[in-house]
PDB file of N, CA and C in Angstrom:
ATOM      1  N   MET A   1       0.831  -1.185   0.000  1.00  0.00           N
ATOM      2  CA  MET A   1       0.000   0.000   0.000  1.00  0.00           C
ATOM      3  C   MET A   1       0.881   1.257   0.000  1.00  0.00           C
ATOM      4  N   ASN A   2       2.078   1.140   0.586  1.00  0.00           N
ATOM      5  CA  ASN A   2       2.989   2.292   0.582  1.00  0.00           C
ATOM      6  C   ASN A   2       3.370   2.687  -0.843  1.00  0.00           C
ATOM      7  N   ASP A   3       3.655   1.700  -1.681  1.00  0.00           N
ATOM      8  CA  ASP A   3       4.008   1.995  -3.078  1.00  0.00           C
ATOM      9  C   ASP A   3       2.834   2.628  -3.818  1.00  0.00           C
ATOM     10  N   LEU A   4       1.641   2.112  -3.590  1.00  0.00           N
ATOM     11  CA  LEU A   4       0.451   2.670  -4.242  1.00  0.00           C
ATOM     12  C   LEU A   4       0.224   4.110  -3.784  1.00  0.00           C
ATOM     13  N   ASN A   5       0.340   4.367  -2.496  1.00  0.00           N
ATOM     14  CA  ASN A   5       0.152   5.726  -1.986  1.00  0.00           C
ATOM     15  C   ASN A   5       1.227   6.680  -2.490  1.00  0.00           C
ATOM     16  N   THR A   6       2.464   6.187  -2.632  1.00  0.00           N
ATOM     17  CA  THR A   6       3.540   7.021  -3.174  1.00  0.00           C
ATOM     18  C   THR A   6       3.219   7.446  -4.601  1.00  0.00           C
ATOM     19  N   LEU A   7       2.661   6.535  -5.374  1.00  0.00           N
ATOM     20  CA  LEU A   7       2.273   6.852  -6.749  1.00  0.00           C
ATOM     21  C   LEU A   7       1.098   7.832  -6.775  1.00  0.00           C
ATOM     22  N   LEU A   8       0.078   7.546  -5.978  1.00  0.00           N
ATOM     23  CA  LEU A   8      -1.155   8.333  -6.041  1.00  0.00           C
ATOM     24  C   LEU A   8      -1.003   9.742  -5.483  1.00  0.00           C
ATOM     25  N   VAL A   9      -0.133   9.948  -4.516  1.00  0.00           N
ATOM     26  CA  VAL A   9       0.027  11.287  -3.946  1.00  0.00           C
ATOM     27  C   VAL A   9       0.493  12.275  -5.010  1.00  0.00           C
ATOM     28  N   LYS A  10       1.180  11.778  -6.035  1.00  0.00           N
ATOM     29  CA  LYS A  10       1.644  12.647  -7.115  1.00  0.00           C
ATOM     30  C   LYS A  10       0.561  12.900  -8.164  1.00  0.00           C
ATOM     31  N   ARG A  11      -0.533  12.156  -8.090  1.00  0.00           N
ATOM     32  CA  ARG A  11      -1.622  12.288  -9.048  1.00  0.00           C
ATOM     33  C   ARG A  11      -2.716  13.245  -8.569  1.00  0.00           C
ATOM     34  N   TRP A  12      -2.697  13.572  -7.304  1.00  0.00           N
ATOM     35  CA  TRP A  12      -3.734  14.416  -6.718  1.00  0.00           C
ATOM     36  C   TRP A  12      -3.183  15.819  -6.461  1.00  0.00           C
ATOM     37  N   LYS A  13      -4.088  16.774  -6.389  1.00  0.00           N
ATOM     38  CA  LYS A  13      -3.713  18.133  -6.033  1.00  0.00           C
ATOM     39  C   LYS A  13      -3.119  18.119  -4.625  1.00  0.00           C
ATOM     40  N   THR A  14      -2.041  18.855  -4.425  1.00  0.00           N
ATOM     41  CA  THR A  14      -1.334  18.879  -3.148  1.00  0.00           C
ATOM     42  C   THR A  14      -2.301  19.156  -1.996  1.00  0.00           C
ATOM     43  N   GLY A  15      -2.242  18.302  -0.984  1.00  0.00           N
ATOM     44  CA  GLY A  15      -3.074  18.477   0.200  1.00  0.00           C
ATOM     45  C   GLY A  15      -4.445  17.843   0.118  1.00  0.00           C
ATOM     46  N   THR A  16      -4.816  17.238  -1.012  1.00  0.00           N
ATOM     47  CA  THR A  16      -6.152  16.662  -1.134  1.00  0.00           C
ATOM     48  C   THR A  16      -6.171  15.142  -1.077  1.00  0.00           C
ATOM     49  N   PHE A  17      -5.016  14.505  -1.205  1.00  0.00           N
ATOM     50  CA  PHE A  17      -4.962  13.046  -1.234  1.00  0.00           C
ATOM     51  C   PHE A  17      -5.083  12.464   0.166  1.00  0.00           C
ATOM     52  N   ILE A  18      -5.954  11.478   0.285  1.00  0.00           N
ATOM     53  CA  ILE A  18      -6.104  10.725   1.537  1.00  0.00           C
ATOM     54  C   ILE A  18      -5.530   9.335   1.262  1.00  0.00           C
ATOM     55  N   PRO A  19      -4.470   8.945   1.972  1.00  0.00           N
ATOM     56  CA  PRO A  19      -3.821   7.654   1.696  1.00  0.00           C
ATOM     57  C   PRO A  19      -4.787   6.471   1.799  1.00  0.00           C
ATOM     58  N   TYR A  20      -4.602   5.521   0.896  1.00  0.00           N
ATOM     59  CA  TYR A  20      -5.404   4.305   0.903  1.00  0.00           C
ATOM     60  C   TYR A  20      -4.894   3.374   1.994  1.00  0.00           C
ATOM     61  N   THR A  21      -5.807   2.619   2.573  1.00  0.00           N
ATOM     62  CA  THR A  21      -5.442   1.597   3.549  1.00  0.00           C
ATOM     63  C   THR A  21      -6.131   0.300   3.144  1.00  0.00           C
ATOM     64  N   ALA A  22      -5.577  -0.795   3.593  1.00  0.00           N
ATOM     65  CA  ALA A  22      -6.167  -2.102   3.307  1.00  0.00           C
ATOM     66  C   ALA A  22      -6.213  -2.908   4.598  1.00  0.00           C
ATOM     67  N   THR A  23      -7.329  -3.575   4.797  1.00  0.00           N
ATOM     68  CA  THR A  23      -7.480  -4.383   6.002  1.00  0.00           C
ATOM     69  C   THR A  23      -6.968  -5.804   5.798  1.00  0.00           C
ATOM     70  N   THR A  24      -6.960  -6.267   4.552  1.00  0.00           N
ATOM     71  CA  THR A  24      -6.482  -7.618   4.249  1.00  0.00           C
ATOM     72  C   THR A  24      -5.607  -7.570   3.001  1.00  0.00           C
ATOM     73  N   ASP A  25      -4.883  -8.656   2.773  1.00  0.00           N
ATOM     74  CA  ASP A  25      -4.072  -8.755   1.562  1.00  0.00           C
ATOM     75  C   ASP A  25      -4.938  -8.707   0.308  1.00  0.00           C
ATOM     76  N   GLU A  26      -6.085  -9.373   0.366  1.00  0.00           N
ATOM     77  CA  GLU A  26      -6.974  -9.398  -0.802  1.00  0.00           C
ATOM     78  C   GLU A  26      -7.524  -8.003  -1.092  1.00  0.00           C
ATOM     79  N   ASN A  27      -7.864  -7.260  -0.050  1.00  0.00           N
ATOM     80  CA  ASN A  27      -8.349  -5.898  -0.235  1.00  0.00           C
ATOM     81  C   ASN A  27      -7.272  -5.017  -0.864  1.00  0.00           C
ATOM     82  N   ALA A  28      -6.032  -5.193  -0.452  1.00  0.00           N
ATOM     83  CA  ALA A  28      -4.919  -4.442  -1.039  1.00  0.00           C
ATOM     84  C   ALA A  28      -4.758  -4.798  -2.507  1.00  0.00           C
ATOM     85  N   LEU A  29      -4.846  -6.080  -2.831  1.00  0.00           N
ATOM     86  CA  LEU A  29      -4.709  -6.519  -4.216  1.00  0.00           C
ATOM     87  C   LEU A  29      -5.811  -5.935  -5.092  1.00  0.00           C
ATOM     88  N   ILE A  30      -7.028  -5.906  -4.600  1.00  0.00           N
ATOM     89  CA  ILE A  30      -8.143  -5.334  -5.360  1.00  0.00           C
ATOM     90  C   ILE A  30      -7.907  -3.849  -5.623  1.00  0.00           C
ATOM     91  N   GLN A  31      -7.444  -3.116  -4.626  1.00  0.00           N
ATOM     92  CA  GLN A  31      -7.166  -1.687  -4.805  1.00  0.00           C
ATOM     93  C   GLN A  31      -6.042  -1.463  -5.826  1.00  0.00           C
ATOM     94  N   ILE A  32      -5.010  -2.285  -5.754  1.00  0.00           N
ATOM     95  CA  ILE A  32      -3.886  -2.152  -6.684  1.00  0.00           C
ATOM     96  C   ILE A  32      -4.335  -2.456  -8.106  1.00  0.00           C
ATOM     97  N   LEU A  33      -5.130  -3.503  -8.291  1.00  0.00           N
ATOM     98  CA  LEU A  33      -5.604  -3.845  -9.637  1.00  0.00           C
ATOM     99  C   LEU A  33      -6.544  -2.779 -10.195  1.00  0.00           C
ATOM    100  N   THR A  34      -7.351  -2.183  -9.334  1.00  0.00           N
ATOM    101  CA  THR A  34      -8.241  -1.100  -9.775  1.00  0.00           C
ATOM    102  C   THR A  34      -7.434   0.102 -10.243  1.00  0.00           C
ATOM    103  N   GLU A  35      -6.413   0.472  -9.487  1.00  0.00           N
ATOM    104  CA  GLU A  35      -5.567   1.602  -9.886  1.00  0.00           C
ATOM    105  C   GLU A  35      -4.780   1.280 -11.155  1.00  0.00           C
ATOM    106  N   ARG A  36      -4.329   0.038 -11.289  1.00  0.00           N
ATOM    107  CA  ARG A  36      -3.607  -0.371 -12.498  1.00  0.00           C
ATOM    108  C   ARG A  36      -4.514  -0.226 -13.723  1.00  0.00           C
ATOM    109  N   ARG A  37      -5.769  -0.636 -13.569  1.00  0.00           N
ATOM    110  CA  ARG A  37      -6.715  -0.526 -14.687  1.00  0.00           C
ATOM    111  C   ARG A  37      -6.922   0.938 -15.086  1.00  0.00           C
ATOM    112  N   LYS A  38      -7.023   1.819 -14.089  1.00  0.00           N
ATOM    113  CA  LYS A  38      -7.198   3.247 -14.382  1.00  0.00           C
ATOM    114  C   LYS A  38      -5.933   3.856 -14.966  1.00  0.00           C
ATOM    115  N   GLU A  39      -4.782   3.490 -14.432  1.00  0.00           N
ATOM    116  CA  GLU A  39      -3.509   4.076 -14.845  1.00  0.00           C
ATOM    117  C   GLU A  39      -3.103   3.668 -16.264  1.00  0.00           C
ATOM    118  N   LEU A  40      -3.426   2.445 -16.651  1.00  0.00           N
ATOM    119  CA  LEU A  40      -2.956   1.921 -17.936  1.00  0.00           C
ATOM    120  C   LEU A  40      -4.045   1.863 -19.000  1.00  0.00           C
ATOM    121  N   VAL A  41      -5.049   2.702 -18.878  1.00  0.00           N
ATOM    122  CA  VAL A  41      -6.124   2.722 -19.866  1.00  0.00           C
ATOM    123  C   VAL A  41      -5.564   3.068 -21.256  1.00  0.00           C
ATOM    124  N   MET A  42      -6.067   2.389 -22.265  1.00  0.00           N
ATOM    125  CA  MET A  42      -5.687   2.596 -23.681  1.00  0.00           C
ATOM    126  C   MET A  42      -4.232   2.216 -23.974  1.00  0.00           C
ATOM    127  N   ARG A  43      -3.661   1.321 -23.192  1.00  0.00           N
ATOM    128  CA  ARG A  43      -2.277   0.894 -23.428  1.00  0.00           C
ATOM    129  C   ARG A  43      -2.179  -0.582 -23.760  1.00  0.00           C
ATOM    130  N   GLY A  44      -3.309  -1.277 -23.859  1.00  0.00           N
ATOM    131  CA  GLY A  44      -3.300  -2.687 -24.200  1.00  0.00           C
ATOM    132  C   GLY A  44      -2.996  -3.614 -23.040  1.00  0.00           C
ATOM    133  N   ALA A  45      -2.881  -3.083 -21.842  1.00  0.00           N
ATOM    134  CA  ALA A  45      -2.558  -3.916 -20.684  1.00  0.00           C
ATOM    135  C   ALA A  45      -3.788  -4.666 -20.173  1.00  0.00           C
ATOM    136  N   ARG A  46      -4.960  -4.182 -20.464  1.00  0.00           N
ATOM    137  CA  ARG A  46      -6.184  -4.819 -19.957  1.00  0.00           C
ATOM    138  C   ARG A  46      -6.306  -6.247 -20.468  1.00  0.00           C
ATOM    139  N   TRP A  47      -6.007  -6.459 -21.748  1.00  0.00           N
ATOM    140  CA  TRP A  47      -6.117  -7.797 -22.339  1.00  0.00           C
ATOM    141  C   TRP A  47      -5.172  -8.771 -21.630  1.00  0.00           C
ATOM    142  N   THR A  48      -3.953  -8.330 -21.398  1.00  0.00           N
ATOM    143  CA  THR A  48      -2.978  -9.166 -20.704  1.00  0.00           C
ATOM    144  C   THR A  48      -3.440  -9.455 -19.279  1.00  0.00           C
ATOM    145  N   ASP A  49      -3.963  -8.447 -18.602  1.00  0.00           N
ATOM    146  CA  ASP A  49      -4.459  -8.642 -17.242  1.00  0.00           C
ATOM    147  C   ASP A  49      -5.638  -9.606 -17.214  1.00  0.00           C
ATOM    148  N   LEU A  50      -6.554  -9.481 -18.164  1.00  0.00           N
ATOM    149  CA  LEU A  50      -7.697 -10.390 -18.209  1.00  0.00           C
ATOM    150  C   LEU A  50      -7.240 -11.824 -18.395  1.00  0.00           C
ATOM    151  N   ARG A  51      -6.312 -12.041 -19.311  1.00  0.00           N
ATOM    152  CA  ARG A  51      -5.811 -13.396 -19.543  1.00  0.00           C
ATOM    153  C   ARG A  51      -5.161 -13.959 -18.286  1.00  0.00           C
ATOM    154  N   ARG A  52      -4.356 -13.159 -17.622  1.00  0.00           N
ATOM    155  CA  ARG A  52      -3.637 -13.605 -16.431  1.00  0.00           C
ATOM    156  C   ARG A  52      -4.578 -13.776 -15.241  1.00  0.00           C
ATOM    157  N   LEU A  53      -5.449 -12.807 -15.002  1.00  0.00           N
ATOM    158  CA  LEU A  53      -6.312 -12.837 -13.830  1.00  0.00           C
ATOM    159  C   LEU A  53      -7.468 -13.819 -13.955  1.00  0.00           C
ATOM    160  N   ASN A  54      -7.854 -14.188 -15.178  1.00  0.00           N
ATOM    161  CA  ASN A  54      -8.944 -15.147 -15.347  1.00  0.00           C
ATOM    162  C   ASN A  54      -8.556 -16.545 -14.887  1.00  0.00           C
ATOM    163  N   LEU A  55      -7.294 -16.769 -14.605  1.00  0.00           N
ATOM    164  CA  LEU A  55      -6.866 -18.055 -14.065  1.00  0.00           C
ATOM    165  C   LEU A  55      -7.205 -18.163 -12.581  1.00  0.00           C
ATOM    166  N   ASP A  56      -7.468 -17.027 -11.943  1.00  0.00           N
ATOM    167  CA  ASP A  56      -7.827 -16.983 -10.528  1.00  0.00           C
ATOM    168  C   ASP A  56      -9.337 -16.759 -10.427  1.00  0.00           C
ATOM    169  N   PRO A  57     -10.072 -17.701  -9.838  1.00  0.00           N
ATOM    170  CA  PRO A  57     -11.537 -17.572  -9.776  1.00  0.00           C
ATOM    171  C   PRO A  57     -12.026 -16.283  -9.107  1.00  0.00           C
ATOM    172  N   ARG A  58     -11.222 -15.680  -8.216  1.00  0.00           N
ATOM    173  CA  ARG A  58     -11.645 -14.441  -7.549  1.00  0.00           C
ATOM    174  C   ARG A  58     -11.766 -13.285  -8.523  1.00  0.00           C
ATOM    175  N   PHE A  59     -10.990 -13.317  -9.613  1.00  0.00           N
ATOM    176  CA  PHE A  59     -10.950 -12.189 -10.543  1.00  0.00           C
ATOM    177  C   PHE A  59     -11.455 -12.546 -11.937  1.00  0.00           C
ATOM    178  N   ALA A  60     -11.974 -13.753 -12.108  1.00  0.00           N
ATOM    179  CA  ALA A  60     -12.463 -14.191 -13.419  1.00  0.00           C
ATOM    180  C   ALA A  60     -13.659 -13.347 -13.851  1.00  0.00           C
ATOM    181  N   LYS A  61     -13.630 -12.921 -15.101  1.00  0.00           N
ATOM    182  CA  LYS A  61     -14.712 -12.105 -15.652  1.00  0.00           C
ATOM    183  C   LYS A  61     -15.142 -12.676 -16.996  1.00  0.00           C
ATOM    184  N   THR A  62     -16.423 -12.655 -17.255  1.00  0.00           N
ATOM    185  CA  THR A  62     -16.943 -13.011 -18.564  1.00  0.00           C
ATOM    186  C   THR A  62     -17.220 -11.709 -19.297  1.00  0.00           C
ATOM    187  N   LEU A  63     -16.586 -11.536 -20.448  1.00  0.00           N
ATOM    188  CA  LEU A  63     -16.802 -10.336 -21.250  1.00  0.00           C
ATOM    189  C   LEU A  63     -17.978 -10.571 -22.180  1.00  0.00           C
ATOM    190  N   SER A  64     -18.885  -9.608 -22.272  1.00  0.00           N
ATOM    191  CA  SER A  64     -20.047  -9.718 -23.159  1.00  0.00           C
ATOM    192  C   SER A  64     -20.232  -8.421 -23.918  1.00  0.00           C
ATOM    193  N   ARG A  65     -20.521  -8.538 -25.189  1.00  0.00           N
ATOM    194  CA  ARG A  65     -20.810  -7.379 -26.036  1.00  0.00           C
ATOM    195  C   ARG A  65     -21.980  -7.731 -26.939  1.00  0.00           C
ATOM    196  N   SER A  66     -22.834  -6.744 -27.208  1.00  0.00           N
ATOM    197  CA  SER A  66     -23.950  -6.926 -28.132  1.00  0.00           C
ATOM    198  C   SER A  66     -23.703  -6.094 -29.374  1.00  0.00           C
ATOM    199  N   LEU A  67     -23.915  -6.708 -30.522  1.00  0.00           N
ATOM    200  CA  LEU A  67     -23.727  -6.035 -31.794  1.00  0.00           C
ATOM    201  C   LEU A  67     -24.838  -6.460 -32.729  1.00  0.00           C
ATOM    202  N   LEU A  68     -25.625  -5.500 -33.156  1.00  0.00           N
ATOM    203  CA  LEU A  68     -26.743  -5.742 -34.074  1.00  0.00           C
ATOM    204  C   LEU A  68     -27.690  -6.819 -33.549  1.00  0.00           C
ATOM    205  N   GLY A  69     -27.954  -6.773 -32.253  1.00  0.00           N
ATOM    206  CA  GLY A  69     -28.893  -7.704 -31.642  1.00  0.00           C
ATOM    207  C   GLY A  69     -28.319  -9.060 -31.293  1.00  0.00           C
ATOM    208  N   VAL A  70     -27.044  -9.285 -31.579  1.00  0.00           N
ATOM    209  CA  VAL A  70     -26.395 -10.556 -31.254  1.00  0.00           C
ATOM    210  C   VAL A  70     -25.442 -10.316 -30.086  1.00  0.00           C
ATOM    211  N   THR A  71     -25.525 -11.152 -29.063  1.00  0.00           N
ATOM    212  CA  THR A  71     -24.652 -11.024 -27.903  1.00  0.00           C
ATOM    213  C   THR A  71     -23.503 -12.017 -28.020  1.00  0.00           C
ATOM    214  N   TYR A  72     -22.297 -11.493 -27.906  1.00  0.00           N
ATOM    215  CA  TYR A  72     -21.093 -12.308 -27.944  1.00  0.00           C
ATOM    216  C   TYR A  72     -20.489 -12.302 -26.552  1.00  0.00           C
ATOM    217  N   SER A  73     -20.003 -13.463 -26.106  1.00  0.00           N
ATOM    218  CA  SER A  73     -19.384 -13.506 -24.786  1.00  0.00           C
ATOM    219  C   SER A  73     -18.085 -14.301 -24.846  1.00  0.00           C
ATOM    220  N   LEU A  74     -17.185 -13.919 -23.957  1.00  0.00           N
ATOM    221  CA  LEU A  74     -15.888 -14.565 -23.837  1.00  0.00           C
ATOM    222  C   LEU A  74     -15.714 -14.963 -22.376  1.00  0.00           C
ATOM    223  N   PRO A  75     -15.942 -16.247 -22.054  1.00  0.00           N
ATOM    224  CA  PRO A  75     -15.833 -16.684 -20.664  1.00  0.00           C
ATOM    225  C   PRO A  75     -14.374 -16.809 -20.219  1.00  0.00           C
ATOM    226  N   PRO A  76     -14.139 -16.861 -18.927  1.00  0.00           N
ATOM    227  CA  PRO A  76     -12.765 -17.025 -18.426  1.00  0.00           C
ATOM    228  C   PRO A  76     -12.132 -18.311 -18.958  1.00  0.00           C
ATOM    229  N   ASN A  77     -10.827 -18.245 -19.182  1.00  0.00           N
ATOM    230  CA  ASN A  77     -10.025 -19.387 -19.618  1.00  0.00           C
ATOM    231  C   ASN A  77     -10.464 -19.978 -20.950  1.00  0.00           C
ATOM    232  N   ASP A  78     -11.126 -19.199 -21.777  1.00  0.00           N
ATOM    233  CA  ASP A  78     -11.536 -19.653 -23.098  1.00  0.00           C
ATOM    234  C   ASP A  78     -10.318 -19.713 -24.017  1.00  0.00           C
ATOM    235  N   SER A  79     -10.311 -20.637 -24.948  1.00  0.00           N
ATOM    236  CA  SER A  79      -9.170 -20.772 -25.861  1.00  0.00           C
ATOM    237  C   SER A  79      -9.046 -19.567 -26.798  1.00  0.00           C
ATOM    238  N   ARG A  80     -10.099 -18.746 -26.886  1.00  0.00           N
ATOM    239  CA  ARG A  80     -10.035 -17.566 -27.754  1.00  0.00           C
ATOM    240  C   ARG A  80      -9.187 -16.436 -27.167  1.00  0.00           C
ATOM    241  N   TYR A  81      -8.722 -16.583 -25.937  1.00  0.00           N
ATOM    242  CA  TYR A  81      -7.795 -15.609 -25.366  1.00  0.00           C
ATOM    243  C   TYR A  81      -6.400 -15.745 -25.977  1.00  0.00           C
ATOM    244  N   VAL A  82      -6.126 -16.872 -26.610  1.00  0.00           N
ATOM    245  CA  VAL A  82      -4.800 -17.156 -27.145  1.00  0.00           C
ATOM    246  C   VAL A  82      -4.822 -16.954 -28.658  1.00  0.00           C
ATOM    247  N   LEU A  83      -3.844 -16.218 -29.160  1.00  0.00           N
ATOM    248  CA  LEU A  83      -3.747 -15.983 -30.597  1.00  0.00           C
ATOM    249  C   LEU A  83      -3.041 -17.147 -31.281  1.00  0.00           C
ATOM    250  N   GLN A  84      -3.319 -17.320 -32.557  1.00  0.00           N
ATOM    251  CA  GLN A  84      -2.658 -18.349 -33.346  1.00  0.00           C
ATOM    252  C   GLN A  84      -1.194 -17.972 -33.560  1.00  0.00           C
ATOM    253  N   VAL A  85      -0.335 -18.974 -33.531  1.00  0.00           N
ATOM    254  CA  VAL A  85       1.082 -18.752 -33.833  1.00  0.00           C
ATOM    255  C   VAL A  85       1.203 -18.680 -35.351  1.00  0.00           C
ATOM    256  N   PRO A  86       1.855 -17.645 -35.891  1.00  0.00           N
ATOM    257  CA  PRO A  86       1.994 -17.548 -37.351  1.00  0.00           C
ATOM    258  C   PRO A  86       2.695 -18.783 -37.923  1.00  0.00           C
ATOM    259  N   ASP A  87       2.239 -19.204 -39.102  1.00  0.00           N
ATOM    260  CA  ASP A  87       2.780 -20.406 -39.741  1.00  0.00           C
ATOM    261  C   ASP A  87       4.285 -20.300 -39.970  1.00  0.00           C
ATOM    262  N   TYR A  88       4.773 -19.108 -40.324  1.00  0.00           N
ATOM    263  CA  TYR A  88       6.203 -18.984 -40.600  1.00  0.00           C
ATOM    264  C   TYR A  88       7.041 -19.192 -39.330  1.00  0.00           C
ATOM    265  N   ILE A  89       6.485 -18.910 -38.155  1.00  0.00           N
ATOM    266  CA  ILE A  89       7.185 -19.160 -36.897  1.00  0.00           C
ATOM    267  C   ILE A  89       7.281 -20.665 -36.640  1.00  0.00           C
ATOM    268  N   ILE A  90       6.162 -21.348 -36.874  1.00  0.00           N
ATOM    269  CA  ILE A  90       6.151 -22.800 -36.690  1.00  0.00           C
ATOM    270  C   ILE A  90       7.138 -23.455 -37.656  1.00  0.00           C
ATOM    271  N   ALA A  91       7.135 -22.980 -38.926  1.00  0.00           N
ATOM    272  CA  ALA A  91       8.050 -23.538 -39.925  1.00  0.00           C
ATOM    273  C   ALA A  91       9.510 -23.258 -39.548  1.00  0.00           C
ATOM    274  N   ALA A  92       9.790 -22.066 -39.061  1.00  0.00           N
ATOM    275  CA  ALA A  92      11.163 -21.702 -38.703  1.00  0.00           C
ATOM    276  C   ALA A  92      11.658 -22.482 -37.487  1.00  0.00           C
ATOM    277  N   SER A  93      10.735 -22.929 -36.633  1.00  0.00           N
ATOM    278  CA  SER A  93      11.129 -23.688 -35.443  1.00  0.00           C
ATOM    279  C   SER A  93      11.439 -25.138 -35.751  1.00  0.00           C
ATOM    280  N   GLY A  94      11.162 -25.550 -36.979  1.00  0.00           N
ATOM    281  CA  GLY A  94      11.398 -26.947 -37.337  1.00  0.00           C
ATOM    282  C   GLY A  94      10.402 -27.891 -36.692  1.00  0.00           C
ATOM    283  N   GLY A  95       9.247 -27.369 -36.325  1.00  0.00           N
ATOM    284  CA  GLY A  95       8.203 -28.212 -35.729  1.00  0.00           C
ATOM    285  C   GLY A  95       8.269 -28.301 -34.223  1.00  0.00           C
ATOM    286  N   SER A  96       9.216 -27.609 -33.595  1.00  0.00           N
ATOM    287  CA  SER A  96       9.302 -27.671 -32.131  1.00  0.00           C
ATOM    288  C   SER A  96       8.220 -26.818 -31.444  1.00  0.00           C
ATOM    289  N   ILE A  97       7.646 -25.885 -32.192  1.00  0.00           N
ATOM    290  CA  ILE A  97       6.537 -25.087 -31.688  1.00  0.00           C
ATOM    291  C   ILE A  97       5.264 -25.597 -32.318  1.00  0.00           C
ATOM    292  N   SER A  98       4.262 -25.890 -31.517  1.00  0.00           N
ATOM    293  CA  SER A  98       2.998 -26.355 -32.057  1.00  0.00           C
ATOM    294  C   SER A  98       1.986 -25.213 -32.063  1.00  0.00           C
ATOM    295  N   GLN A  99       0.965 -25.363 -32.898  1.00  0.00           N
ATOM    296  CA  GLN A  99      -0.090 -24.348 -33.031  1.00  0.00           C
ATOM    297  C   GLN A  99      -0.955 -24.343 -31.780  1.00  0.00           C
ATOM    298  N   ASN A 100      -1.380 -23.166 -31.367  1.00  0.00           N
ATOM    299  CA  ASN A 100      -2.328 -23.052 -30.254  1.00  0.00           C
ATOM    300  C   ASN A 100      -3.666 -23.627 -30.677  1.00  0.00           C
ATOM    301  N   PRO A 101      -4.408 -24.203 -29.725  1.00  0.00           N
ATOM    302  CA  PRO A 101      -5.731 -24.771 -30.086  1.00  0.00           C
ATOM    303  C   PRO A 101      -6.692 -23.690 -30.535  1.00  0.00           C
TER     304      PRO A 101
END
């Protein structure tokens, strides 16, 4: 929490920041992840965080979007989180790299 407060005190107008506190380790982790999401908006870090955090049931999220009346969803740990390995990479590896499912 000290590191988070050190970062946030520089983001607020002088004298207006109230330091964050956490009662448990999990509460601290939630606060840190929330600030990370706000701090790294539009930098592509959200996708990486979703892939990593969806392995933990506490932070698993199902993404849903509606387009033209059709709802699309991406559940946690879905194989669609992983991109295909380009064929030229597989060929250059001599077959030691296999294609993602």
